[in-house]
Amino acid sequence: MKIYLLIVSAMLLLDAKSCDKKAISTTPECILQMIAELQNKPKQNPAASIYQYDYQGQKVYYVNAPCCDQWNKLYTADCTVLCHPDGGITGKGDGKCTDFNNSKTNEVLIWKDDR
């Protein structure tokens, strides 16, 4: 399994042409695993993407939902779901981080499915 993760990580690093290469190299392993899993699924609409932000004194990772009326997820660096800042039926998420869109800083595109 570790060899697989090393290979996937190497492939992600080589395929990071549309992303910030420094961000990819410092991306937590669990986020890299999430990218590998998304690449093994059918392409979603809108295209899957992962952005890194600074929020409440920590690095967080925003992952968009596969389709309509689903919550987008905000993960901590250890891949714990912090909240759902937007999406869902109301478009306003779960209400646990209503300040995210106004407070987030330092946006970095980590990965986007460009298949």
C-alpha atoms as a PDB file:
ATOM      1  CA  MET A   1       0.000   0.000   0.000  1.00  0.00           C
ATOM      2  CA  LYS A   2       2.846   2.404   0.814  1.00  0.00           C
ATOM      3  CA  ILE A   3       4.429   1.770  -2.589  1.00  0.00           C
ATOM      4  CA  TYR A   4       1.080   2.584  -4.205  1.00  0.00           C
ATOM      5  CA  LEU A   5       0.863   5.845  -2.257  1.00  0.00           C
ATOM      6  CA  LEU A   6       4.415   6.755  -3.252  1.00  0.00           C
ATOM      7  CA  ILE A   7       3.630   6.112  -6.904  1.00  0.00           C
ATOM      8  CA  VAL A   8       0.382   8.087  -6.724  1.00  0.00           C
ATOM      9  CA  SER A   9       2.146  10.931  -4.908  1.00  0.00           C
ATOM     10  CA  ALA A  10       4.881  10.997  -7.557  1.00  0.00           C
ATOM     11  CA  MET A  11       2.293  11.037 -10.331  1.00  0.00           C
ATOM     12  CA  LEU A  12       0.446  13.902  -8.668  1.00  0.00           C
ATOM     13  CA  LEU A  13       3.639  15.857  -8.324  1.00  0.00           C
ATOM     14  CA  LEU A  14       4.461  15.356 -12.002  1.00  0.00           C
ATOM     15  CA  ASP A  15       0.914  16.194 -13.090  1.00  0.00           C
ATOM     16  CA  ALA A  16       0.689  19.390 -11.066  1.00  0.00           C
ATOM     17  CA  LYS A  17       1.135  21.627 -14.110  1.00  0.00           C
ATOM     18  CA  SER A  18      -2.060  23.578 -13.371  1.00  0.00           C
ATOM     19  CA  CYS A  19      -1.422  23.802  -9.625  1.00  0.00           C
ATOM     20  CA  ASP A  20       1.068  25.387  -7.299  1.00  0.00           C
ATOM     21  CA  LYS A  21       3.910  22.826  -7.194  1.00  0.00           C
ATOM     22  CA  LYS A  22       5.042  24.005  -3.747  1.00  0.00           C
ATOM     23  CA  ALA A  23       1.521  23.502  -2.376  1.00  0.00           C
ATOM     24  CA  ILE A  24       1.366  19.940  -3.723  1.00  0.00           C
ATOM     25  CA  SER A  25       4.685  19.040  -2.125  1.00  0.00           C
ATOM     26  CA  THR A  26       3.435  20.213   1.280  1.00  0.00           C
ATOM     27  CA  THR A  27      -0.082  18.796   0.974  1.00  0.00           C
ATOM     28  CA  PRO A  28      -0.992  16.334   3.748  1.00  0.00           C
ATOM     29  CA  GLU A  29      -0.896  12.670   2.803  1.00  0.00           C
ATOM     30  CA  CYS A  30      -4.611  12.212   3.495  1.00  0.00           C
ATOM     31  CA  ILE A  31      -5.444  14.957   0.970  1.00  0.00           C
ATOM     32  CA  LEU A  32      -3.187  13.273  -1.606  1.00  0.00           C
ATOM     33  CA  GLN A  33      -5.063  10.032  -0.950  1.00  0.00           C
ATOM     34  CA  MET A  34      -8.345  11.886  -1.470  1.00  0.00           C
ATOM     35  CA  ILE A  35      -7.071  13.136  -4.844  1.00  0.00           C
ATOM     36  CA  ALA A  36      -6.101   9.598  -5.859  1.00  0.00           C
ATOM     37  CA  GLU A  37      -9.571   8.359  -4.925  1.00  0.00           C
ATOM     38  CA  LEU A  38     -11.252  11.146  -6.897  1.00  0.00           C
ATOM     39  CA  GLN A  39      -9.121  10.307  -9.940  1.00  0.00           C
ATOM     40  CA  ASN A  40     -10.325   6.712  -9.783  1.00  0.00           C
ATOM     41  CA  LYS A  41     -13.984   7.764  -9.862  1.00  0.00           C
ATOM     42  CA  PRO A  42     -15.914   8.980 -12.883  1.00  0.00           C
ATOM     43  CA  LYS A  43     -15.456  12.677 -13.594  1.00  0.00           C
ATOM     44  CA  GLN A  44     -17.955  14.748 -11.662  1.00  0.00           C
ATOM     45  CA  ASN A  45     -19.815  17.845 -12.802  1.00  0.00           C
ATOM     46  CA  PRO A  46     -18.716  20.359 -11.715  1.00  0.00           C
ATOM     47  CA  ALA A  47     -15.162  19.060 -11.954  1.00  0.00           C
ATOM     48  CA  ALA A  48     -13.672  17.979  -8.634  1.00  0.00           C
ATOM     49  CA  SER A  49     -11.212  20.428  -7.136  1.00  0.00           C
ATOM     50  CA  ILE A  50      -9.346  20.957  -3.894  1.00  0.00           C
ATOM     51  CA  TYR A  51      -8.267  24.376  -2.664  1.00  0.00           C
ATOM     52  CA  GLN A  52      -6.084  25.188   0.314  1.00  0.00           C
ATOM     53  CA  TYR A  53      -6.801  28.238   2.476  1.00  0.00           C
ATOM     54  CA  ASP A  54      -5.711  29.747   5.759  1.00  0.00           C
ATOM     55  CA  TYR A  55      -8.721  29.892   8.072  1.00  0.00           C
ATOM     56  CA  GLN A  56      -8.897  30.389  11.830  1.00  0.00           C
ATOM     57  CA  GLY A  57      -5.131  30.032  12.184  1.00  0.00           C
ATOM     58  CA  GLN A  58      -4.806  26.746  10.302  1.00  0.00           C
ATOM     59  CA  LYS A  59      -4.465  25.316   6.796  1.00  0.00           C
ATOM     60  CA  VAL A  60      -7.784  23.974   5.538  1.00  0.00           C
ATOM     61  CA  TYR A  61      -8.819  22.168   2.371  1.00  0.00           C
ATOM     62  CA  TYR A  62     -12.034  22.940   0.514  1.00  0.00           C
ATOM     63  CA  VAL A  63     -13.442  20.096  -1.592  1.00  0.00           C
ATOM     64  CA  ASN A  64     -16.418  20.726  -3.842  1.00  0.00           C
ATOM     65  CA  ALA A  65     -19.354  18.304  -3.917  1.00  0.00           C
ATOM     66  CA  PRO A  66     -20.008  16.123  -6.967  1.00  0.00           C
ATOM     67  CA  CYS A  67     -23.275  17.787  -7.860  1.00  0.00           C
ATOM     68  CA  CYS A  68     -26.286  19.756  -6.959  1.00  0.00           C
ATOM     69  CA  ASP A  69     -27.718  20.389  -3.496  1.00  0.00           C
ATOM     70  CA  GLN A  70     -24.828  18.675  -1.699  1.00  0.00           C
ATOM     71  CA  TRP A  71     -22.630  20.311   0.907  1.00  0.00           C
ATOM     72  CA  ASN A  72     -19.083  21.216  -0.030  1.00  0.00           C
ATOM     73  CA  LYS A  73     -16.611  20.074   2.622  1.00  0.00           C
ATOM     74  CA  LEU A  74     -13.914  21.913   4.502  1.00  0.00           C
ATOM     75  CA  TYR A  75     -11.213  19.645   5.920  1.00  0.00           C
ATOM     76  CA  THR A  76      -8.453  20.246   8.440  1.00  0.00           C
ATOM     77  CA  ALA A  77      -4.900  19.116   7.632  1.00  0.00           C
ATOM     78  CA  ASP A  78      -5.637  15.690   9.159  1.00  0.00           C
ATOM     79  CA  CYS A  79      -8.733  15.283   6.942  1.00  0.00           C
ATOM     80  CA  THR A  80     -11.258  15.841   9.685  1.00  0.00           C
ATOM     81  CA  VAL A  81     -14.353  17.582   8.344  1.00  0.00           C
ATOM     82  CA  LEU A  82     -14.374  21.013   9.963  1.00  0.00           C
ATOM     83  CA  CYS A  83     -17.668  22.121   8.437  1.00  0.00           C
ATOM     84  CA  HIS A  84     -19.666  22.494   5.241  1.00  0.00           C
ATOM     85  CA  PRO A  85     -19.310  26.194   4.376  1.00  0.00           C
ATOM     86  CA  ASP A  86     -21.718  26.200   1.452  1.00  0.00           C
ATOM     87  CA  GLY A  87     -23.871  24.059  -0.792  1.00  0.00           C
ATOM     88  CA  GLY A  88     -26.901  22.005   0.132  1.00  0.00           C
ATOM     89  CA  ILE A  89     -30.501  22.880  -0.577  1.00  0.00           C
ATOM     90  CA  THR A  90     -30.147  26.431   0.779  1.00  0.00           C
ATOM     91  CA  GLY A  91     -26.655  26.960  -0.631  1.00  0.00           C
ATOM     92  CA  LYS A  92     -25.517  28.070   2.831  1.00  0.00           C
ATOM     93  CA  GLY A  93     -23.942  24.833   4.059  1.00  0.00           C
ATOM     94  CA  ASP A  94     -24.400  23.491   7.574  1.00  0.00           C
ATOM     95  CA  GLY A  95     -24.109  26.862   9.356  1.00  0.00           C
ATOM     96  CA  LYS A  96     -20.991  25.842  11.344  1.00  0.00           C
ATOM     97  CA  CYS A  97     -18.565  28.160   9.556  1.00  0.00           C
ATOM     98  CA  THR A  98     -20.658  30.976   8.177  1.00  0.00           C
ATOM     99  CA  ASP A  99     -17.628  33.308   8.188  1.00  0.00           C
ATOM    100  CA  PHE A 100     -15.493  31.077   5.951  1.00  0.00           C
ATOM    101  CA  ASN A 101     -16.010  32.919   2.659  1.00  0.00           C
ATOM    102  CA  ASN A 102     -15.267  36.288   4.293  1.00  0.00           C
ATOM    103  CA  SER A 103     -12.390  35.078   6.487  1.00  0.00           C
ATOM    104  CA  LYS A 104     -10.427  32.680   4.263  1.00  0.00           C
ATOM    105  CA  THR A 105      -7.078  33.878   2.914  1.00  0.00           C
ATOM    106  CA  ASN A 106      -4.186  32.652   0.771  1.00  0.00           C
ATOM    107  CA  GLU A 107      -6.142  30.590  -1.761  1.00  0.00           C
ATOM    108  CA  VAL A 108      -4.073  27.925  -3.495  1.00  0.00           C
ATOM    109  CA  LEU A 109      -5.448  25.479  -6.057  1.00  0.00           C
ATOM    110  CA  ILE A 110      -4.085  22.111  -4.964  1.00  0.00           C
ATOM    111  CA  TRP A 111      -5.760  19.985  -7.624  1.00  0.00           C
ATOM    112  CA  LYS A 112      -8.495  20.131 -10.243  1.00  0.00           C
ATOM    113  CA  ASP A 113      -9.764  17.224 -12.318  1.00  0.00           C
ATOM    114  CA  ASP A 114      -9.015  18.348 -15.860  1.00  0.00           C
ATOM    115  CA  ARG A 115      -9.913  15.085 -17.582  1.00  0.00           C
END
